[in-house]
N, C-alpha and C. Protein backbone atom coordinates (compact mmCIF):
# COMPACT_ATOMS: atom_id res chain seq x y z
N MET A 1 -6.03 -8.78 -14.06
CA MET A 1 -6.34 -7.43 -13.89
C MET A 1 -6.54 -7.05 -12.41
N ASP A 2 -7.05 -7.96 -11.60
CA ASP A 2 -7.31 -7.71 -10.18
C ASP A 2 -6.05 -7.36 -9.45
N GLN A 3 -4.95 -8.10 -9.74
CA GLN A 3 -3.65 -7.81 -9.08
C GLN A 3 -3.18 -6.39 -9.47
N GLU A 4 -3.30 -6.09 -10.75
CA GLU A 4 -2.84 -4.78 -11.22
C GLU A 4 -3.73 -3.64 -10.58
N LYS A 5 -4.99 -3.92 -10.45
CA LYS A 5 -5.88 -2.91 -9.84
C LYS A 5 -5.47 -2.66 -8.41
N GLU A 6 -5.17 -3.73 -7.68
CA GLU A 6 -4.74 -3.58 -6.29
C GLU A 6 -3.40 -2.83 -6.20
N ARG A 7 -2.46 -3.21 -7.02
CA ARG A 7 -1.12 -2.56 -7.04
C ARG A 7 -1.29 -1.07 -7.34
N PHE A 8 -2.07 -0.79 -8.41
CA PHE A 8 -2.24 0.59 -8.85
C PHE A 8 -2.94 1.41 -7.79
N CYS A 9 -3.93 0.86 -7.18
CA CYS A 9 -4.65 1.55 -6.09
C CYS A 9 -3.73 1.87 -4.89
N SER A 10 -2.90 0.93 -4.58
CA SER A 10 -1.94 1.13 -3.49
C SER A 10 -0.97 2.25 -3.83
N ARG A 11 -0.48 2.29 -5.04
CA ARG A 11 0.45 3.32 -5.50
C ARG A 11 -0.25 4.67 -5.53
N LEU A 12 -1.52 4.68 -5.97
CA LEU A 12 -2.26 5.97 -5.96
C LEU A 12 -2.42 6.55 -4.56
N ALA A 13 -2.63 5.65 -3.59
CA ALA A 13 -2.80 6.07 -2.23
C ALA A 13 -1.53 6.68 -1.66
N SER A 14 -0.42 6.46 -2.26
CA SER A 14 0.88 7.00 -1.77
C SER A 14 1.08 8.47 -2.19
N ILE A 15 0.19 8.98 -3.08
CA ILE A 15 0.35 10.33 -3.59
C ILE A 15 -0.43 11.29 -2.64
N PRO A 16 0.28 12.25 -2.03
CA PRO A 16 -0.45 13.20 -1.14
C PRO A 16 -1.60 13.88 -1.83
N GLY A 17 -2.73 13.94 -1.13
CA GLY A 17 -3.94 14.60 -1.68
C GLY A 17 -4.82 13.72 -2.52
N ILE A 18 -4.41 12.47 -2.71
CA ILE A 18 -5.23 11.53 -3.51
C ILE A 18 -5.59 10.37 -2.64
N ARG A 19 -6.92 10.10 -2.57
CA ARG A 19 -7.39 9.00 -1.73
C ARG A 19 -8.30 8.12 -2.52
N PRO A 20 -7.84 6.90 -2.87
CA PRO A 20 -8.69 5.95 -3.56
C PRO A 20 -9.88 5.54 -2.63
N LEU A 21 -11.05 5.51 -3.21
CA LEU A 21 -12.25 5.13 -2.44
C LEU A 21 -12.48 3.65 -2.67
N PRO A 22 -13.12 2.98 -1.70
CA PRO A 22 -13.44 1.58 -1.91
C PRO A 22 -14.27 1.36 -3.16
N SER A 23 -13.97 0.37 -3.95
CA SER A 23 -14.69 0.12 -5.18
C SER A 23 -15.03 -1.35 -5.28
N PRO A 24 -16.07 -1.67 -6.07
CA PRO A 24 -16.35 -3.05 -6.29
C PRO A 24 -15.18 -3.84 -6.92
N GLN A 25 -15.10 -5.07 -6.61
CA GLN A 25 -14.04 -5.91 -7.17
C GLN A 25 -14.09 -5.99 -8.69
N THR A 26 -15.31 -5.94 -9.20
CA THR A 26 -15.45 -6.03 -10.65
C THR A 26 -15.31 -4.61 -11.24
N GLY A 27 -14.92 -4.56 -12.48
CA GLY A 27 -14.74 -3.29 -13.17
C GLY A 27 -13.31 -2.82 -13.18
N ASP A 28 -12.97 -1.97 -14.10
CA ASP A 28 -11.60 -1.57 -14.25
C ASP A 28 -11.41 -0.07 -14.03
N TRP A 29 -12.23 0.48 -13.13
CA TRP A 29 -12.12 1.88 -12.73
C TRP A 29 -11.87 2.04 -11.24
N ILE A 30 -11.18 3.09 -10.90
CA ILE A 30 -10.98 3.41 -9.46
C ILE A 30 -11.45 4.86 -9.26
N LEU A 31 -12.25 5.09 -8.23
CA LEU A 31 -12.73 6.42 -7.88
C LEU A 31 -11.71 7.04 -6.88
N LEU A 32 -11.31 8.28 -7.14
CA LEU A 32 -10.32 8.94 -6.29
C LEU A 32 -10.92 10.20 -5.72
N LYS A 33 -10.79 10.39 -4.39
CA LYS A 33 -11.17 11.61 -3.72
C LYS A 33 -10.00 12.58 -3.86
N VAL A 34 -10.23 13.75 -4.47
CA VAL A 34 -9.17 14.68 -4.73
C VAL A 34 -9.64 16.10 -4.50
N PRO A 35 -8.72 17.04 -4.21
CA PRO A 35 -9.11 18.41 -4.21
C PRO A 35 -9.17 18.93 -5.67
N ALA A 36 -10.09 19.82 -5.98
CA ALA A 36 -10.20 20.40 -7.35
C ALA A 36 -10.20 19.34 -8.46
N PRO A 37 -11.20 18.46 -8.47
CA PRO A 37 -11.22 17.40 -9.45
C PRO A 37 -11.20 17.87 -10.93
N ALA A 38 -11.99 18.91 -11.26
CA ALA A 38 -12.01 19.36 -12.66
C ALA A 38 -10.63 19.90 -13.09
N ASP A 39 -9.93 20.61 -12.21
CA ASP A 39 -8.68 21.18 -12.53
C ASP A 39 -7.61 20.05 -12.69
N LEU A 40 -7.66 19.07 -11.78
CA LEU A 40 -6.75 17.94 -11.88
C LEU A 40 -6.94 17.15 -13.16
N ALA A 41 -8.24 16.88 -13.50
CA ALA A 41 -8.53 16.10 -14.71
C ALA A 41 -8.08 16.87 -15.95
N ARG A 42 -8.31 18.17 -15.99
CA ARG A 42 -7.88 18.97 -17.15
C ARG A 42 -6.36 18.90 -17.33
N LYS A 43 -5.61 19.05 -16.23
CA LYS A 43 -4.17 19.03 -16.34
C LYS A 43 -3.62 17.67 -16.76
N VAL A 44 -4.18 16.63 -16.12
CA VAL A 44 -3.69 15.27 -16.48
C VAL A 44 -4.07 14.88 -17.91
N ASN A 45 -5.30 15.23 -18.30
CA ASN A 45 -5.75 14.87 -19.63
C ASN A 45 -4.96 15.64 -20.74
N ARG A 46 -4.48 16.83 -20.40
CA ARG A 46 -3.63 17.55 -21.37
C ARG A 46 -2.27 16.91 -21.52
N ARG A 47 -1.72 16.42 -20.43
CA ARG A 47 -0.39 15.83 -20.44
C ARG A 47 -0.42 14.41 -21.06
N LEU A 48 -1.47 13.66 -20.82
CA LEU A 48 -1.55 12.29 -21.31
C LEU A 48 -2.46 12.22 -22.54
N GLU A 49 -3.69 11.81 -22.34
CA GLU A 49 -4.61 11.81 -23.43
C GLU A 49 -6.02 12.12 -22.88
N PRO A 50 -6.86 12.75 -23.67
CA PRO A 50 -8.22 13.07 -23.18
C PRO A 50 -8.94 11.83 -22.66
N GLY A 51 -9.63 12.00 -21.55
CA GLY A 51 -10.35 10.90 -20.98
C GLY A 51 -9.57 10.05 -19.97
N THR A 52 -8.30 10.37 -19.79
CA THR A 52 -7.53 9.61 -18.83
C THR A 52 -8.18 9.65 -17.45
N LEU A 53 -8.54 10.90 -17.05
CA LEU A 53 -9.34 11.08 -15.82
C LEU A 53 -10.66 11.67 -16.24
N SER A 54 -11.72 11.22 -15.58
CA SER A 54 -13.05 11.82 -15.81
C SER A 54 -13.63 12.25 -14.49
N VAL A 55 -14.49 13.27 -14.58
CA VAL A 55 -15.13 13.81 -13.36
C VAL A 55 -16.56 13.34 -13.31
N PRO A 56 -16.95 12.42 -12.43
CA PRO A 56 -18.35 11.98 -12.33
C PRO A 56 -19.24 13.11 -11.83
N ARG A 57 -20.36 13.28 -12.41
CA ARG A 57 -21.27 14.36 -12.00
C ARG A 57 -21.99 14.07 -10.70
N THR A 58 -22.11 12.78 -10.39
CA THR A 58 -22.95 12.40 -9.23
C THR A 58 -22.17 12.30 -7.89
N ILE A 59 -20.86 12.29 -7.95
CA ILE A 59 -20.07 12.16 -6.68
C ILE A 59 -19.08 13.33 -6.65
N SER A 60 -19.38 14.35 -5.87
CA SER A 60 -18.54 15.51 -5.83
C SER A 60 -17.18 15.23 -5.20
N GLY A 61 -16.19 16.00 -5.65
CA GLY A 61 -14.84 15.88 -5.11
C GLY A 61 -14.05 14.64 -5.54
N THR A 62 -14.49 14.08 -6.68
CA THR A 62 -13.82 12.88 -7.15
C THR A 62 -13.49 12.89 -8.63
N VAL A 63 -12.53 12.06 -9.00
CA VAL A 63 -12.26 11.77 -10.39
C VAL A 63 -12.25 10.24 -10.53
N ARG A 64 -12.48 9.80 -11.76
CA ARG A 64 -12.49 8.37 -12.03
C ARG A 64 -11.29 8.06 -12.95
N VAL A 65 -10.57 6.99 -12.66
CA VAL A 65 -9.44 6.61 -13.47
C VAL A 65 -9.57 5.15 -13.90
N HIS A 66 -9.21 4.95 -15.13
CA HIS A 66 -9.27 3.57 -15.69
C HIS A 66 -7.97 2.82 -15.38
N VAL A 67 -8.13 1.60 -14.91
CA VAL A 67 -6.96 0.75 -14.67
C VAL A 67 -6.51 0.13 -16.00
N SER A 68 -5.28 0.38 -16.37
CA SER A 68 -4.77 -0.09 -17.62
C SER A 68 -3.63 -1.07 -17.39
N ASP A 69 -2.74 -1.16 -18.34
CA ASP A 69 -1.58 -2.06 -18.20
C ASP A 69 -0.53 -1.33 -17.30
N PRO A 70 0.39 -2.05 -16.68
CA PRO A 70 1.35 -1.46 -15.75
C PRO A 70 2.11 -0.26 -16.31
N LYS A 71 2.49 -0.30 -17.57
CA LYS A 71 3.28 0.77 -18.22
C LYS A 71 2.44 2.06 -18.19
N ARG A 72 1.22 1.99 -18.66
CA ARG A 72 0.32 3.17 -18.70
C ARG A 72 0.01 3.65 -17.29
N ASN A 73 -0.22 2.72 -16.40
CA ASN A 73 -0.53 3.12 -15.02
C ASN A 73 0.65 3.90 -14.40
N GLU A 74 1.87 3.43 -14.65
CA GLU A 74 3.01 4.13 -14.11
C GLU A 74 3.17 5.51 -14.72
N ALA A 75 2.88 5.65 -15.98
CA ALA A 75 2.90 7.02 -16.59
C ALA A 75 1.89 7.94 -15.97
N LEU A 76 0.72 7.40 -15.66
CA LEU A 76 -0.32 8.16 -14.99
C LEU A 76 0.11 8.55 -13.56
N LEU A 77 0.70 7.60 -12.85
CA LEU A 77 1.22 7.88 -11.48
C LEU A 77 2.22 8.97 -11.50
N LYS A 78 3.14 8.94 -12.43
CA LYS A 78 4.18 10.02 -12.55
C LYS A 78 3.54 11.34 -12.85
N THR A 79 2.61 11.39 -13.76
CA THR A 79 1.90 12.62 -14.10
C THR A 79 1.12 13.16 -12.92
N LEU A 80 0.44 12.30 -12.21
CA LEU A 80 -0.33 12.74 -11.03
C LEU A 80 0.61 13.35 -9.98
N ARG A 81 1.74 12.71 -9.73
CA ARG A 81 2.71 13.22 -8.78
C ARG A 81 3.18 14.62 -9.19
N ASP A 82 3.47 14.78 -10.47
CA ASP A 82 3.94 16.07 -10.99
C ASP A 82 2.86 17.16 -10.82
N VAL A 83 1.63 16.80 -11.17
CA VAL A 83 0.54 17.79 -11.16
C VAL A 83 0.14 18.17 -9.74
N VAL A 84 0.13 17.23 -8.83
CA VAL A 84 -0.29 17.64 -7.43
C VAL A 84 0.88 18.16 -6.59
N ALA A 85 2.08 18.08 -7.07
CA ALA A 85 3.28 18.52 -6.29
C ALA A 85 3.20 20.06 -6.10
């Protein structure tokens, strides 16, 4: 899972307007600094499935994304590119 997390994080960083924040090595979540987090989460969750992105209440300007298998991660990357374009 660590290799997939690193790969996924790197791919997320390539999307304009999305900046992965440093996260602990343990855990399967990545925190992303984004403009309009609630709007982004709503759009992505409608296209994929509810809960794909969540908006943490304690860290403003961010969404949290779960690291999954490569196929699901690629679907999320495509959706994020479409939504922020």
